[in-house]
N, C-alpha and C. Protein backbone atom coordinates (compact mmCIF):
# COMPACT_ATOMS: atom_id res chain seq x y z
N MET A 1 0.85 -1.17 0.00
CA MET A 1 0.00 0.00 0.00
C MET A 1 0.89 1.24 0.00
N ALA A 2 0.70 2.12 -0.92
CA ALA A 2 1.50 3.34 -1.03
C ALA A 2 0.90 4.43 -0.15
N ILE A 3 1.76 5.26 0.39
CA ILE A 3 1.33 6.40 1.20
C ILE A 3 1.47 7.65 0.36
N ARG A 4 0.36 8.36 0.17
CA ARG A 4 0.40 9.63 -0.56
C ARG A 4 0.71 10.74 0.41
N MET A 5 1.75 11.49 0.12
CA MET A 5 2.13 12.61 0.97
C MET A 5 1.54 13.89 0.41
N PRO A 6 1.33 14.90 1.28
CA PRO A 6 0.86 16.18 0.76
C PRO A 6 1.87 16.72 -0.25
N ARG A 7 1.38 17.43 -1.23
CA ARG A 7 2.27 17.98 -2.25
C ARG A 7 3.06 19.15 -1.70
N ILE A 8 4.30 19.25 -2.11
CA ILE A 8 5.14 20.39 -1.76
C ILE A 8 5.32 21.20 -3.04
N ILE A 9 4.87 22.46 -2.99
CA ILE A 9 4.94 23.32 -4.16
C ILE A 9 5.69 24.58 -3.77
N LYS A 10 6.62 25.00 -4.60
CA LYS A 10 7.50 26.11 -4.27
C LYS A 10 6.88 27.48 -4.53
N LYS A 11 6.20 27.68 -5.65
CA LYS A 11 5.70 29.00 -6.01
C LYS A 11 4.29 29.22 -5.48
N SER A 12 4.01 30.46 -5.05
CA SER A 12 2.70 30.75 -4.48
C SER A 12 1.58 30.65 -5.51
N GLY A 13 1.85 30.85 -6.78
CA GLY A 13 0.82 30.78 -7.80
C GLY A 13 0.52 29.37 -8.26
N ASP A 14 1.20 28.38 -7.70
CA ASP A 14 1.06 27.00 -8.14
C ASP A 14 0.06 26.19 -7.31
N VAL A 15 -0.90 26.84 -6.69
CA VAL A 15 -1.88 26.12 -5.89
C VAL A 15 -3.10 25.85 -6.77
N PRO A 16 -3.37 24.58 -7.07
CA PRO A 16 -4.50 24.26 -7.94
C PRO A 16 -5.84 24.58 -7.27
N LYS A 17 -6.85 24.76 -8.10
CA LYS A 17 -8.19 25.01 -7.60
C LYS A 17 -8.62 23.84 -6.71
N GLY A 18 -9.22 24.17 -5.56
CA GLY A 18 -9.67 23.13 -4.62
C GLY A 18 -8.62 22.74 -3.60
N TYR A 19 -7.49 23.45 -3.61
CA TYR A 19 -6.40 23.15 -2.68
C TYR A 19 -6.02 24.40 -1.90
N LEU A 20 -5.25 24.21 -0.82
CA LEU A 20 -4.85 25.27 0.07
C LEU A 20 -3.39 25.07 0.44
N ALA A 21 -2.61 26.14 0.44
CA ALA A 21 -1.21 26.07 0.86
C ALA A 21 -1.11 26.36 2.35
N VAL A 22 -0.35 25.54 3.06
CA VAL A 22 -0.10 25.75 4.49
C VAL A 22 1.39 25.62 4.75
N CYS A 23 1.88 26.36 5.74
CA CYS A 23 3.27 26.26 6.16
C CYS A 23 3.31 25.44 7.44
N VAL A 24 4.11 24.39 7.45
CA VAL A 24 4.14 23.45 8.56
C VAL A 24 5.55 23.37 9.13
N GLY A 25 5.63 23.35 10.46
CA GLY A 25 6.92 23.16 11.12
C GLY A 25 7.01 23.98 12.38
N GLU A 26 7.91 23.57 13.25
CA GLU A 26 8.10 24.29 14.51
C GLU A 26 9.14 25.39 14.34
N GLU A 27 10.28 25.06 13.79
CA GLU A 27 11.33 26.05 13.55
C GLU A 27 11.38 26.42 12.07
N GLN A 28 11.75 25.46 11.25
CA GLN A 28 11.79 25.64 9.81
C GLN A 28 10.42 25.31 9.24
N LYS A 29 9.87 26.20 8.46
CA LYS A 29 8.55 25.97 7.87
C LYS A 29 8.69 25.40 6.46
N LYS A 30 7.88 24.39 6.16
CA LYS A 30 7.83 23.81 4.83
C LYS A 30 6.41 24.00 4.32
N ARG A 31 6.28 24.35 3.06
CA ARG A 31 4.97 24.65 2.47
C ARG A 31 4.38 23.39 1.84
N PHE A 32 3.15 23.06 2.24
CA PHE A 32 2.41 21.92 1.70
C PHE A 32 1.13 22.41 1.06
N VAL A 33 0.68 21.70 0.06
CA VAL A 33 -0.60 22.01 -0.58
C VAL A 33 -1.52 20.83 -0.31
N ILE A 34 -2.66 21.15 0.32
CA ILE A 34 -3.60 20.11 0.75
C ILE A 34 -4.98 20.40 0.17
N PRO A 35 -5.82 19.38 0.05
CA PRO A 35 -7.19 19.61 -0.44
C PRO A 35 -7.99 20.45 0.58
N ILE A 36 -8.82 21.35 0.10
CA ILE A 36 -9.62 22.17 1.03
C ILE A 36 -10.63 21.31 1.79
N SER A 37 -10.91 20.11 1.29
CA SER A 37 -11.84 19.22 2.00
C SER A 37 -11.31 18.85 3.39
N PHE A 38 -9.99 18.96 3.61
CA PHE A 38 -9.42 18.68 4.94
C PHE A 38 -9.96 19.64 5.99
N LEU A 39 -10.36 20.84 5.56
CA LEU A 39 -10.82 21.86 6.52
C LEU A 39 -12.07 21.43 7.27
N SER A 40 -12.84 20.52 6.72
CA SER A 40 -14.06 20.07 7.39
C SER A 40 -13.84 18.82 8.26
N GLN A 41 -12.64 18.30 8.28
CA GLN A 41 -12.34 17.09 9.05
C GLN A 41 -12.01 17.45 10.51
N PRO A 42 -12.63 16.76 11.48
CA PRO A 42 -12.39 17.07 12.89
C PRO A 42 -10.91 17.02 13.32
N LEU A 43 -10.16 16.05 12.82
CA LEU A 43 -8.74 15.98 13.17
C LEU A 43 -7.99 17.21 12.70
N PHE A 44 -8.28 17.66 11.48
CA PHE A 44 -7.60 18.83 10.94
C PHE A 44 -8.07 20.09 11.67
N GLN A 45 -9.34 20.14 12.04
CA GLN A 45 -9.85 21.29 12.79
C GLN A 45 -9.18 21.40 14.15
N ASP A 46 -8.90 20.26 14.78
CA ASP A 46 -8.16 20.28 16.05
C ASP A 46 -6.76 20.87 15.85
N LEU A 47 -6.12 20.46 14.78
CA LEU A 47 -4.79 20.98 14.48
C LEU A 47 -4.85 22.49 14.22
N LEU A 48 -5.86 22.95 13.51
CA LEU A 48 -6.02 24.39 13.25
C LEU A 48 -6.29 25.16 14.55
N SER A 49 -7.04 24.56 15.44
CA SER A 49 -7.31 25.19 16.73
C SER A 49 -6.02 25.37 17.53
N GLN A 50 -5.16 24.37 17.49
CA GLN A 50 -3.86 24.48 18.17
C GLN A 50 -3.01 25.56 17.53
N ALA A 51 -3.07 25.67 16.20
CA ALA A 51 -2.32 26.71 15.49
C ALA A 51 -2.85 28.10 15.88
N GLU A 52 -4.16 28.22 16.01
CA GLU A 52 -4.76 29.50 16.43
C GLU A 52 -4.28 29.89 17.82
N ASP A 53 -4.23 28.90 18.73
CA ASP A 53 -3.77 29.18 20.09
C ASP A 53 -2.33 29.68 20.10
N GLU A 54 -1.50 29.12 19.22
CA GLU A 54 -0.09 29.52 19.21
C GLU A 54 0.17 30.77 18.40
N PHE A 55 -0.47 30.90 17.22
CA PHE A 55 -0.16 32.00 16.30
C PHE A 55 -1.24 33.06 16.19
N GLY A 56 -2.47 32.77 16.55
CA GLY A 56 -3.55 33.71 16.32
C GLY A 56 -3.86 33.78 14.83
N PHE A 57 -4.49 34.86 14.41
CA PHE A 57 -4.88 34.99 13.02
C PHE A 57 -4.04 35.97 12.23
N ASP A 58 -3.19 36.75 12.88
CA ASP A 58 -2.38 37.75 12.21
C ASP A 58 -1.04 37.14 11.83
N HIS A 59 -0.87 36.83 10.54
CA HIS A 59 0.35 36.17 10.08
C HIS A 59 1.18 37.14 9.24
N PRO A 60 2.41 37.42 9.67
CA PRO A 60 3.26 38.33 8.89
C PRO A 60 3.60 37.78 7.50
N MET A 61 3.63 36.44 7.36
CA MET A 61 3.94 35.83 6.06
C MET A 61 2.70 35.79 5.18
N GLY A 62 1.53 36.05 5.74
CA GLY A 62 0.31 36.10 4.96
C GLY A 62 -0.34 34.75 4.71
N GLY A 63 0.19 33.68 5.25
CA GLY A 63 -0.37 32.36 5.01
C GLY A 63 -0.79 31.69 6.29
N LEU A 64 -1.25 30.48 6.15
CA LEU A 64 -1.66 29.68 7.30
C LEU A 64 -0.46 28.90 7.80
N SER A 65 -0.09 29.10 9.06
CA SER A 65 1.04 28.39 9.66
C SER A 65 0.54 27.39 10.68
N ILE A 66 1.06 26.17 10.60
CA ILE A 66 0.67 25.12 11.54
C ILE A 66 1.92 24.69 12.29
N PRO A 67 1.95 24.94 13.62
CA PRO A 67 3.15 24.68 14.41
C PRO A 67 3.25 23.24 14.91
N CYS A 68 3.48 22.32 14.02
CA CYS A 68 3.68 20.94 14.45
C CYS A 68 4.83 20.35 13.65
N ARG A 69 5.34 19.24 14.13
CA ARG A 69 6.41 18.59 13.41
C ARG A 69 5.90 18.11 12.05
N GLU A 70 6.78 18.17 11.08
CA GLU A 70 6.42 17.78 9.72
C GLU A 70 5.94 16.33 9.65
N ASP A 71 6.59 15.43 10.37
CA ASP A 71 6.20 14.02 10.32
C ASP A 71 4.80 13.79 10.89
N ILE A 72 4.43 14.55 11.91
CA ILE A 72 3.08 14.45 12.48
C ILE A 72 2.05 14.94 11.46
N PHE A 73 2.35 16.05 10.78
CA PHE A 73 1.45 16.59 9.77
C PHE A 73 1.25 15.59 8.63
N ILE A 74 2.33 14.98 8.18
CA ILE A 74 2.24 14.01 7.09
C ILE A 74 1.42 12.80 7.53
N ASP A 75 1.63 12.35 8.77
CA ASP A 75 0.82 11.25 9.33
C ASP A 75 -0.67 11.60 9.32
N LEU A 76 -0.98 12.78 9.81
CA LEU A 76 -2.38 13.21 9.89
C LEU A 76 -3.01 13.31 8.52
N THR A 77 -2.32 13.93 7.56
CA THR A 77 -2.89 14.08 6.23
C THR A 77 -3.01 12.72 5.53
N SER A 78 -2.09 11.81 5.79
CA SER A 78 -2.20 10.46 5.22
C SER A 78 -3.44 9.77 5.76
N HIS A 79 -3.70 9.94 7.04
CA HIS A 79 -4.89 9.35 7.66
C HIS A 79 -6.17 9.96 7.05
N LEU A 80 -6.17 11.26 6.80
CA LEU A 80 -7.35 11.92 6.25
C LEU A 80 -7.61 11.49 4.80
N ARG A 81 -6.59 11.11 4.09
CA ARG A 81 -6.76 10.68 2.69
C ARG A 81 -7.40 9.30 2.60
N ASN A 82 -7.29 8.50 3.66
CA ASN A 82 -7.85 7.13 3.64
C ASN A 82 -9.27 7.08 4.11
């Protein structure tokens, strides 16, 4: 069984319709592109709630930042895809 990882896209204009770019990481941030359908999933909403507690809504980089380890994020998104 293959594990699909979230896509990593370098340019800001490369986000396909129906997807959302998020920056993930505690120290070094890596940009992932995920389906917007993840936003309605309770597991992902919990993760967003934790991000809100840590970062609030005012982001100097202008994007959504999620303060968790990259491996945890990949695990969670893999679970949501199944």
